[in-house]
C-alpha atoms as a PDB file:
ATOM      1  CA  UNK A   1     129.007 106.543 101.502  1.00  0.00           C
ATOM      2  CA  UNK A   2     127.905 106.591 104.254  1.00  0.00           C
ATOM      3  CA  UNK A   3     125.453 103.374 106.306  1.00  0.00           C
ATOM      4  CA  UNK A   4     124.164 102.965 109.323  1.00  0.00           C
ATOM      5  CA  UNK A   5     122.720 100.160 111.141  1.00  0.00           C
ATOM      6  CA  UNK A   6     119.377 100.365 112.415  1.00  0.00           C
ATOM      7  CA  UNK A   7     118.555  99.233 116.272  1.00  0.00           C
ATOM      8  CA  UNK A   8     118.779  95.972 117.157  1.00  0.00           C
ATOM      9  CA  UNK A   9     115.674  93.879 118.214  1.00  0.00           C
ATOM     10  CA  UNK A  10     116.040  91.271 121.477  1.00  0.00           C
ATOM     11  CA  UNK A  11     115.573  87.923 121.714  1.00  0.00           C
ATOM     12  CA  UNK A  12     112.074  87.040 124.335  1.00  0.00           C
ATOM     13  CA  UNK A  13     112.015  83.127 124.541  1.00  0.00           C
ATOM     14  CA  UNK A  14     114.490  80.505 122.829  1.00  0.00           C
ATOM     15  CA  UNK A  15     113.304  76.863 123.481  1.00  0.00           C
ATOM     16  CA  UNK A  16     115.339  74.724 121.371  1.00  0.00           C
ATOM     17  CA  UNK A  17     114.744  71.068 120.917  1.00  0.00           C
ATOM     18  CA  UNK A  18     117.164  67.743 121.422  1.00  0.00           C
ATOM     19  CA  UNK A  19     117.355  64.663 120.165  1.00  0.00           C
ATOM     20  CA  UNK A  20     120.023  62.809 119.014  1.00  0.00           C
ATOM     21  CA  UNK A  21     119.445  63.590 115.283  1.00  0.00           C
ATOM     22  CA  UNK A  22     121.538  65.789 113.393  1.00  0.00           C
ATOM     23  CA  UNK A  23     120.222  69.611 113.795  1.00  0.00           C
ATOM     24  CA  UNK A  24     119.770  69.758 109.625  1.00  0.00           C
ATOM     25  CA  UNK A  25     118.099  66.768 109.685  1.00  0.00           C
ATOM     26  CA  UNK A  26     115.624  68.148 112.336  1.00  0.00           C
ATOM     27  CA  UNK A  27     113.345  70.879 113.176  1.00  0.00           C
ATOM     28  CA  UNK A  28     114.261  73.414 115.389  1.00  0.00           C
ATOM     29  CA  UNK A  29     112.459  75.690 117.611  1.00  0.00           C
ATOM     30  CA  UNK A  30     114.062  79.317 117.476  1.00  0.00           C
ATOM     31  CA  UNK A  31     111.307  81.387 119.301  1.00  0.00           C
ATOM     32  CA  UNK A  32     107.617  81.445 121.139  1.00  0.00           C
ATOM     33  CA  UNK A  33     105.056  84.062 122.005  1.00  0.00           C
ATOM     34  CA  UNK A  34     101.841  83.731 124.339  1.00  0.00           C
ATOM     35  CA  UNK A  35     100.614  80.218 125.970  1.00  0.00           C
ATOM     36  CA  UNK A  36      97.540  79.200 124.736  1.00  0.00           C
ATOM     37  CA  UNK A  37      97.203  79.332 122.234  1.00  0.00           C
ATOM     38  CA  UNK A  38     101.241  79.632 122.528  1.00  0.00           C
ATOM     39  CA  UNK A  39     102.876  80.258 118.606  1.00  0.00           C
ATOM     40  CA  UNK A  40     106.140  78.958 117.542  1.00  0.00           C
ATOM     41  CA  UNK A  41     109.179  80.090 114.736  1.00  0.00           C
ATOM     42  CA  UNK A  42     110.130  76.994 113.683  1.00  0.00           C
ATOM     43  CA  UNK A  43     113.149  75.959 111.478  1.00  0.00           C
ATOM     44  CA  UNK A  44     112.465  73.202 108.974  1.00  0.00           C
ATOM     45  CA  UNK A  45     114.720  69.888 108.499  1.00  0.00           C
ATOM     46  CA  UNK A  46     117.261  70.608 105.590  1.00  0.00           C
ATOM     47  CA  UNK A  47     116.248  70.266 102.224  1.00  0.00           C
ATOM     48  CA  UNK A  48     118.037  71.311  99.378  1.00  0.00           C
ATOM     49  CA  UNK A  49     120.482  73.272 101.348  1.00  0.00           C
ATOM     50  CA  UNK A  50     117.958  75.072 102.696  1.00  0.00           C
ATOM     51  CA  UNK A  51     115.598  75.436 106.370  1.00  0.00           C
ATOM     52  CA  UNK A  52     112.261  76.187 105.282  1.00  0.00           C
ATOM     53  CA  UNK A  53     111.157  78.873 107.810  1.00  0.00           C
ATOM     54  CA  UNK A  54     107.489  78.406 109.130  1.00  0.00           C
ATOM     55  CA  UNK A  55     105.318  79.967 112.430  1.00  0.00           C
ATOM     56  CA  UNK A  56     102.805  77.805 113.859  1.00  0.00           C
ATOM     57  CA  UNK A  57     100.522  77.024 116.932  1.00  0.00           C
ATOM     58  CA  UNK A  58     100.575  73.185 117.701  1.00  0.00           C
ATOM     59  CA  UNK A  59      99.400  70.747 115.154  1.00  0.00           C
ATOM     60  CA  UNK A  60      97.082  73.351 113.594  1.00  0.00           C
ATOM     61  CA  UNK A  61      97.057  73.658 109.381  1.00  0.00           C
ATOM     62  CA  UNK A  62      97.680  77.068 108.933  1.00  0.00           C
ATOM     63  CA  UNK A  63     100.877  77.986 109.379  1.00  0.00           C
ATOM     64  CA  UNK A  64     102.470  81.589 108.027  1.00  0.00           C
ATOM     65  CA  UNK A  65     105.532  82.894 106.640  1.00  0.00           C
ATOM     66  CA  UNK A  66     107.608  85.539 105.273  1.00  0.00           C
ATOM     67  CA  UNK A  67     108.322  86.966 101.942  1.00  0.00           C
ATOM     68  CA  UNK A  68     110.204  85.187  99.834  1.00  0.00           C
ATOM     69  CA  UNK A  69     113.678  85.092 100.592  1.00  0.00           C
ATOM     70  CA  UNK A  70     113.151  85.700 103.742  1.00  0.00           C
ATOM     71  CA  UNK A  71     111.286  82.652 104.299  1.00  0.00           C
ATOM     72  CA  UNK A  72     113.912  80.119 104.124  1.00  0.00           C
ATOM     73  CA  UNK A  73     117.341  79.636 106.101  1.00  0.00           C
ATOM     74  CA  UNK A  74     120.574  78.206 105.245  1.00  0.00           C
ATOM     75  CA  UNK A  75     121.562  74.852 106.725  1.00  0.00           C
ATOM     76  CA  UNK A  76     123.696  75.814 109.392  1.00  0.00           C
ATOM     77  CA  UNK A  77     121.726  77.481 112.217  1.00  0.00           C
ATOM     78  CA  UNK A  78     123.137  78.235 114.461  1.00  0.00           C
ATOM     79  CA  UNK A  79     122.855  80.848 117.513  1.00  0.00           C
ATOM     80  CA  UNK A  80     124.787  83.743 117.797  1.00  0.00           C
ATOM     81  CA  UNK A  81     127.297  84.553 119.882  1.00  0.00           C
ATOM     82  CA  UNK A  82     127.188  87.903 120.041  1.00  0.00           C
ATOM     83  CA  UNK A  83     124.625  89.099 122.457  1.00  0.00           C
ATOM     84  CA  UNK A  84     122.603  91.193 120.204  1.00  0.00           C
ATOM     85  CA  UNK A  85     121.930  88.511 117.483  1.00  0.00           C
ATOM     86  CA  UNK A  86     119.701  85.803 117.921  1.00  0.00           C
ATOM     87  CA  UNK A  87     120.315  83.231 115.127  1.00  0.00           C
ATOM     88  CA  UNK A  88     122.706  83.657 112.373  1.00  0.00           C
ATOM     89  CA  UNK A  89     123.544  81.246 109.815  1.00  0.00           C
ATOM     90  CA  UNK A  90     125.634  81.367 105.657  1.00  0.00           C
ATOM     91  CA  UNK A  91     128.331  82.231 103.813  1.00  0.00           C
ATOM     92  CA  UNK A  92     129.971  85.388 103.215  1.00  0.00           C
ATOM     93  CA  UNK A  93     127.549  85.665 100.309  1.00  0.00           C
ATOM     94  CA  UNK A  94     124.505  84.359 102.248  1.00  0.00           C
ATOM     95  CA  UNK A  95     124.936  85.122 105.662  1.00  0.00           C
ATOM     96  CA  UNK A  96     121.698  85.970 107.647  1.00  0.00           C
ATOM     97  CA  UNK A  97     120.986  87.039 111.771  1.00  0.00           C
ATOM     98  CA  UNK A  98     117.080  86.146 112.481  1.00  0.00           C
ATOM     99  CA  UNK A  99     115.643  88.473 115.495  1.00  0.00           C
ATOM    100  CA  UNK A 100     112.502  86.845 117.728  1.00  0.00           C
ATOM    101  CA  UNK A 101     110.468  88.793 120.306  1.00  0.00           C
ATOM    102  CA  UNK A 102     107.069  88.506 122.006  1.00  0.00           C
ATOM    103  CA  UNK A 103     105.522  91.955 121.979  1.00  0.00           C
ATOM    104  CA  UNK A 104     102.497  92.418 123.829  1.00  0.00           C
ATOM    105  CA  UNK A 105      99.594  94.691 121.191  1.00  0.00           C
ATOM    106  CA  UNK A 106      97.487  97.343 123.483  1.00  0.00           C
ATOM    107  CA  UNK A 107      94.550  95.732 123.647  1.00  0.00           C
ATOM    108  CA  UNK A 108      95.100  93.011 122.080  1.00  0.00           C
ATOM    109  CA  UNK A 109      96.466  89.724 121.985  1.00  0.00           C
ATOM    110  CA  UNK A 110     100.025  88.685 122.276  1.00  0.00           C
ATOM    111  CA  UNK A 111     102.327  88.493 118.404  1.00  0.00           C
ATOM    112  CA  UNK A 112     105.516  87.203 117.462  1.00  0.00           C
ATOM    113  CA  UNK A 113     107.480  89.423 115.912  1.00  0.00           C
ATOM    114  CA  UNK A 114     110.474  88.299 113.348  1.00  0.00           C
ATOM    115  CA  UNK A 115     113.112  90.188 111.884  1.00  0.00           C
ATOM    116  CA  UNK A 116     115.285  88.592 109.120  1.00  0.00           C
ATOM    117  CA  UNK A 117     118.483  90.371 108.544  1.00  0.00           C
ATOM    118  CA  UNK A 118     120.453  89.564 105.117  1.00  0.00           C
ATOM    119  CA  UNK A 119     122.622  90.595 102.310  1.00  0.00           C
ATOM    120  CA  UNK A 120     125.671  90.838 100.746  1.00  0.00           C
ATOM    121  CA  UNK A 121     126.988  94.858  99.908  1.00  0.00           C
ATOM    122  CA  UNK A 122     124.058  95.921 101.771  1.00  0.00           C
ATOM    123  CA  UNK A 123     121.914  94.000 104.566  1.00  0.00           C
ATOM    124  CA  UNK A 124     118.335  94.494 104.635  1.00  0.00           C
ATOM    125  CA  UNK A 125     115.956  93.372 106.970  1.00  0.00           C
ATOM    126  CA  UNK A 126     112.870  92.459 106.777  1.00  0.00           C
ATOM    127  CA  UNK A 127     109.956  92.364 110.384  1.00  0.00           C
ATOM    128  CA  UNK A 128     106.919  90.254 110.468  1.00  0.00           C
ATOM    129  CA  UNK A 129     103.737  90.533 112.942  1.00  0.00           C
ATOM    130  CA  UNK A 130     101.960  86.974 113.659  1.00  0.00           C
ATOM    131  CA  UNK A 131      98.803  86.205 115.867  1.00  0.00           C
ATOM    132  CA  UNK A 132      97.084  83.011 116.586  1.00  0.00           C
ATOM    133  CA  UNK A 133      94.059  82.030 116.351  1.00  0.00           C
ATOM    134  CA  UNK A 134      91.563  78.487 115.563  1.00  0.00           C
ATOM    135  CA  UNK A 135      93.423  77.570 112.587  1.00  0.00           C
ATOM    136  CA  UNK A 136      96.784  78.440 113.054  1.00  0.00           C
ATOM    137  CA  UNK A 137      98.496  81.425 112.848  1.00  0.00           C
ATOM    138  CA  UNK A 138      98.165  84.609 110.194  1.00  0.00           C
ATOM    139  CA  UNK A 139     100.724  86.944 109.550  1.00  0.00           C
ATOM    140  CA  UNK A 140      99.079  89.976 110.837  1.00  0.00           C
ATOM    141  CA  UNK A 141     102.256  92.295 109.309  1.00  0.00           C
ATOM    142  CA  UNK A 142     104.743  92.993 107.315  1.00  0.00           C
ATOM    143  CA  UNK A 143     107.344  95.678 107.122  1.00  0.00           C
ATOM    144  CA  UNK A 144     110.140  96.003 104.151  1.00  0.00           C
ATOM    145  CA  UNK A 145     113.107  98.811 104.273  1.00  0.00           C
ATOM    146  CA  UNK A 146     113.178  99.037 100.523  1.00  0.00           C
ATOM    147  CA  UNK A 147     116.716  99.723  98.133  1.00  0.00           C
ATOM    148  CA  UNK A 148     119.359 101.304  98.511  1.00  0.00           C
ATOM    149  CA  UNK A 149     121.700 102.307 102.188  1.00  0.00           C
ATOM    150  CA  UNK A 150     118.604 101.739 104.671  1.00  0.00           C
ATOM    151  CA  UNK A 151     117.677 100.596 107.268  1.00  0.00           C
ATOM    152  CA  UNK A 152     114.601  99.801 109.562  1.00  0.00           C
ATOM    153  CA  UNK A 153     113.405  99.101 112.872  1.00  0.00           C
ATOM    154  CA  UNK A 154     111.022  97.928 114.955  1.00  0.00           C
ATOM    155  CA  UNK A 155     111.236  99.344 118.868  1.00  0.00           C
ATOM    156  CA  UNK A 156     108.653  99.459 121.619  1.00  0.00           C
ATOM    157  CA  UNK A 157     108.766 103.428 122.814  1.00  0.00           C
ATOM    158  CA  UNK A 158     106.474 104.836 125.517  1.00  0.00           C
ATOM    159  CA  UNK A 159     104.160 101.825 125.674  1.00  0.00           C
ATOM    160  CA  UNK A 160     103.837 102.221 121.390  1.00  0.00           C
ATOM    161  CA  UNK A 161     104.958  99.819 119.307  1.00  0.00           C
ATOM    162  CA  UNK A 162     107.046 102.160 116.331  1.00  0.00           C
ATOM    163  CA  UNK A 163     107.984 101.169 112.746  1.00  0.00           C
ATOM    164  CA  UNK A 164     111.002 103.420 111.507  1.00  0.00           C
ATOM    165  CA  UNK A 165     112.709 103.009 108.233  1.00  0.00           C
ATOM    166  CA  UNK A 166     115.726 105.396 107.133  1.00  0.00           C
ATOM    167  CA  UNK A 167     117.820 105.847 104.128  1.00  0.00           C
ATOM    168  CA  UNK A 168     120.737 107.560 104.339  1.00  0.00           C
ATOM    169  CA  UNK A 169     122.305 108.547 101.000  1.00  0.00           C
ATOM    170  CA  UNK A 170     125.045 110.613 102.866  1.00  0.00           C
ATOM    171  CA  UNK A 171     126.820 113.012  99.721  1.00  0.00           C
ATOM    172  CA  UNK A 172     124.832 113.750  96.195  1.00  0.00           C
ATOM    173  CA  UNK A 173     122.239 116.009  94.832  1.00  0.00           C
ATOM    174  CA  UNK A 174     119.144 113.313  96.321  1.00  0.00           C
ATOM    175  CA  UNK A 175     117.370 113.684  99.429  1.00  0.00           C
ATOM    176  CA  UNK A 176     117.382 111.203 102.895  1.00  0.00           C
ATOM    177  CA  UNK A 177     114.210 109.513 103.792  1.00  0.00           C
ATOM    178  CA  UNK A 178     113.157 109.246 107.508  1.00  0.00           C
ATOM    179  CA  UNK A 179     109.456 107.718 108.154  1.00  0.00           C
ATOM    180  CA  UNK A 180     108.389 106.405 111.503  1.00  0.00           C
ATOM    181  CA  UNK A 181     104.512 104.347 111.802  1.00  0.00           C
ATOM    182  CA  UNK A 182     102.639 102.897 114.566  1.00  0.00           C
ATOM    183  CA  UNK A 183     102.024  99.552 114.664  1.00  0.00           C
ATOM    184  CA  UNK A 184      98.026  99.140 116.657  1.00  0.00           C
ATOM    185  CA  UNK A 185      95.722  96.529 117.045  1.00  0.00           C
ATOM    186  CA  UNK A 186      92.226  97.501 116.397  1.00  0.00           C
ATOM    187  CA  UNK A 187      90.058  95.970 118.368  1.00  0.00           C
ATOM    188  CA  UNK A 188      87.018  96.310 116.621  1.00  0.00           C
ATOM    189  CA  UNK A 189      88.863  95.237 113.483  1.00  0.00           C
ATOM    190  CA  UNK A 190      90.550  92.737 115.239  1.00  0.00           C
ATOM    191  CA  UNK A 191      93.468  93.297 113.234  1.00  0.00           C
ATOM    192  CA  UNK A 192      96.699  95.183 113.067  1.00  0.00           C
ATOM    193  CA  UNK A 193      96.933  98.080 111.080  1.00  0.00           C
ATOM    194  CA  UNK A 194      99.766 100.644 110.960  1.00  0.00           C
ATOM    195  CA  UNK A 195      99.265 104.753 111.338  1.00  0.00           C
ATOM    196  CA  UNK A 196     102.228 107.544 111.038  1.00  0.00           C
ATOM    197  CA  UNK A 197     103.278 108.194 114.085  1.00  0.00           C
ATOM    198  CA  UNK A 198     103.819 111.524 116.344  1.00  0.00           C
ATOM    199  CA  UNK A 199     107.574 111.929 115.760  1.00  0.00           C
ATOM    200  CA  UNK A 200     109.333 114.636 116.423  1.00  0.00           C
ATOM    201  CA  UNK A 201     113.482 116.810 114.705  1.00  0.00           C
ATOM    202  CA  UNK A 202     115.705 118.682 115.720  1.00  0.00           C
ATOM    203  CA  UNK A 203     115.961 121.014 112.963  1.00  0.00           C
ATOM    204  CA  UNK A 204     120.163 122.311 112.671  1.00  0.00           C
ATOM    205  CA  UNK A 205     119.946 124.334 109.455  1.00  0.00           C
ATOM    206  CA  UNK A 206     117.525 125.181 106.356  1.00  0.00           C
ATOM    207  CA  UNK A 207     118.316 125.686 102.655  1.00  0.00           C
ATOM    208  CA  UNK A 208     116.831 126.001  99.165  1.00  0.00           C
ATOM    209  CA  UNK A 209     119.305 123.317  97.315  1.00  0.00           C
ATOM    210  CA  UNK A 210     120.416 119.763  98.292  1.00  0.00           C
ATOM    211  CA  UNK A 211     123.922 120.714  97.338  1.00  0.00           C
ATOM    212  CA  UNK A 212     123.556 123.422 100.193  1.00  0.00           C
ATOM    213  CA  UNK A 213     122.208 120.770 102.500  1.00  0.00           C
ATOM    214  CA  UNK A 214     124.676 118.708 102.464  1.00  0.00           C
ATOM    215  CA  UNK A 215     127.666 121.213 102.536  1.00  0.00           C
ATOM    216  CA  UNK A 216     125.918 122.434 105.662  1.00  0.00           C
ATOM    217  CA  UNK A 217     125.255 118.640 106.609  1.00  0.00           C
ATOM    218  CA  UNK A 218     129.114 118.217 106.304  1.00  0.00           C
ATOM    219  CA  UNK A 219     130.344 120.445 108.340  1.00  0.00           C
ATOM    220  CA  UNK A 220     127.559 120.214 111.016  1.00  0.00           C
ATOM    221  CA  UNK A 221     129.097 116.628 112.029  1.00  0.00           C
ATOM    222  CA  UNK A 222     132.121 117.622 111.343  1.00  0.00           C
ATOM    223  CA  UNK A 223     131.342 119.676 114.024  1.00  0.00           C
ATOM    224  CA  UNK A 224     128.566 118.109 115.934  1.00  0.00           C
ATOM    225  CA  UNK A 225     130.659 115.301 116.088  1.00  0.00           C
ATOM    226  CA  UNK A 226     129.140 111.687 116.586  1.00  0.00           C
ATOM    227  CA  UNK A 227     125.671 112.839 115.302  1.00  0.00           C
ATOM    228  CA  UNK A 228     123.369 111.154 113.664  1.00  0.00           C
ATOM    229  CA  UNK A 229     122.241 113.858 110.845  1.00  0.00           C
ATOM    230  CA  UNK A 230     119.659 113.113 107.691  1.00  0.00           C
ATOM    231  CA  UNK A 231     119.387 115.550 104.746  1.00  0.00           C
ATOM    232  CA  UNK A 232     115.686 115.415 103.946  1.00  0.00           C
ATOM    233  CA  UNK A 233     112.903 117.142 102.022  1.00  0.00           C
ATOM    234  CA  UNK A 234     110.145 119.708 103.852  1.00  0.00           C
ATOM    235  CA  UNK A 235     107.740 118.378 100.940  1.00  0.00           C
ATOM    236  CA  UNK A 236     108.024 114.600 102.873  1.00  0.00           C
ATOM    237  CA  UNK A 237     106.199 115.940 106.212  1.00  0.00           C
ATOM    238  CA  UNK A 238     103.532 118.068 106.290  1.00  0.00           C
ATOM    239  CA  UNK A 239     103.954 120.119 109.736  1.00  0.00           C
ATOM    240  CA  UNK A 240     107.067 121.579 107.905  1.00  0.00           C
ATOM    241  CA  UNK A 241     107.424 124.424 105.305  1.00  0.00           C
ATOM    242  CA  UNK A 242     107.347 123.278 101.646  1.00  0.00           C
ATOM    243  CA  UNK A 243     109.935 122.888  98.997  1.00  0.00           C
ATOM    244  CA  UNK A 244     113.194 123.296 101.243  1.00  0.00           C
ATOM    245  CA  UNK A 245     115.613 121.079 102.690  1.00  0.00           C
ATOM    246  CA  UNK A 246     116.221 120.696 106.222  1.00  0.00           C
ATOM    247  CA  UNK A 247     119.315 119.455 107.487  1.00  0.00           C
ATOM    248  CA  UNK A 248     118.124 116.593 111.115  1.00  0.00           C
ATOM    249  CA  UNK A 249     118.440 114.932 113.479  1.00  0.00           C
ATOM    250  CA  UNK A 250     114.621 112.627 113.616  1.00  0.00           C
ATOM    251  CA  UNK A 251     113.759 111.136 117.267  1.00  0.00           C
ATOM    252  CA  UNK A 252     109.967 109.327 117.703  1.00  0.00           C
ATOM    253  CA  UNK A 253     109.346 110.903 121.373  1.00  0.00           C
ATOM    254  CA  UNK A 254     109.040 115.204 122.681  1.00  0.00           C
ATOM    255  CA  UNK A 255     111.457 113.681 125.160  1.00  0.00           C
ATOM    256  CA  UNK A 256     114.240 111.872 123.439  1.00  0.00           C
ATOM    257  CA  UNK A 257     114.893 115.007 120.838  1.00  0.00           C
ATOM    258  CA  UNK A 258     114.546 117.327 123.843  1.00  0.00           C
ATOM    259  CA  UNK A 259     117.671 115.250 124.674  1.00  0.00           C
ATOM    260  CA  UNK A 260     118.615 115.552 121.520  1.00  0.00           C
ATOM    261  CA  UNK A 261     118.827 119.338 121.302  1.00  0.00           C
ATOM    262  CA  UNK A 262     120.695 119.750 124.561  1.00  0.00           C
ATOM    263  CA  UNK A 263     123.348 117.574 122.842  1.00  0.00           C
ATOM    264  CA  UNK A 264     123.713 119.610 119.390  1.00  0.00           C
ATOM    265  CA  UNK A 265     123.754 123.329 120.859  1.00  0.00           C
ATOM    266  CA  UNK A 266     127.301 123.645 122.206  1.00  0.00           C
ATOM    267  CA  UNK A 267     127.749 122.879 118.021  1.00  0.00           C
ATOM    268  CA  UNK A 268     124.795 123.994 116.415  1.00  0.00           C
ATOM    269  CA  UNK A 269     123.134 127.420 118.252  1.00  0.00           C
ATOM    270  CA  UNK A 270     120.537 128.038 115.999  1.00  0.00           C
ATOM    271  CA  UNK A 271     119.386 124.423 116.613  1.00  0.00           C
ATOM    272  CA  UNK A 272     115.534 124.421 117.038  1.00  0.00           C
ATOM    273  CA  UNK A 273     112.570 121.470 117.663  1.00  0.00           C
ATOM    274  CA  UNK A 274     109.569 120.653 116.045  1.00  0.00           C
ATOM    275  CA  UNK A 275     107.063 118.175 115.432  1.00  0.00           C
ATOM    276  CA  UNK A 276     107.285 117.294 112.120  1.00  0.00           C
ATOM    277  CA  UNK A 277     104.281 114.270 112.207  1.00  0.00           C
END
C-alpha cells in the first residue's frame, strides 16, 4: 500500500514568549496573523500531560481552537529542526506537527491558518482558518481528510486558497479519490465559504473496470518514473464520461496540467488534457 504526503505549509509569523519559568509551565505563542486586531495561536500551560491549543485576540474572552483531538498538544512543544515543519512534539505513538500561516482572504480580512498533523500508522491533517472580530476569535472554516491512506493540503495558487484531498489506495478493487475546493471570503455574508474549484487532469488511460485501470496504472507508473497517478471513478466528476475509470494526474491549474502533460507524453503518448470541474 502506498502513502503519499501532501503539500506542507510554511510558517509566516512566529513569536516566542521568553521567561525564567520552564516552558511547560507557561504559555507559548506559536504564531500570529493580522495587526489590528491581531490574533495569535497559543500553547497553554501543561496540565495532565497536555497543552491546550487556543487562538485568541488580546484579552478578549472568546477564543477558538480546532476540533478534538486536534485541540491539544503534548507538553514538549518544540521548534522543528526541519525547514518544512514549524512545531513538533510527542513520541512515536503521540507525535504531532503544527503549521501556521497568515492568509489574506481576497476582499476580506487576514486569517490565521493552522494545520495540525498527527497519527501513528497513518498521518492525518486537520486544517482550520481563524478570524478576529469584536468579541474575540472565530473558527471560520475547518477541513478534515477522512480515514485511510489520505493526504491533504491548503495552498494559495494564482490568488486562490485551495483545499485538496487525496485518497490513494493504490491497489485492489476500490478506486482512489481526489477533490479540490476553493475557500473564498463572501463579502455580503461576511463569512468564509467552500466551493468546488476549477481543476484539470492529465488522463493517461480510460477503462471499463477498476481492475483494468489498476493494471494500466501499474504499467504507466513503471514507464513514467516519478509520476503521481490515481485510478478514479469518472462519476466523481461531472465533466467526465460516466461509468468509466481513468488513470490520471490531477492539477489545480491548466498551466500546471499542461506542464504535466509535456512530462508524461514521452511515456504515455495517448495522454490528453481535460478540465474535470
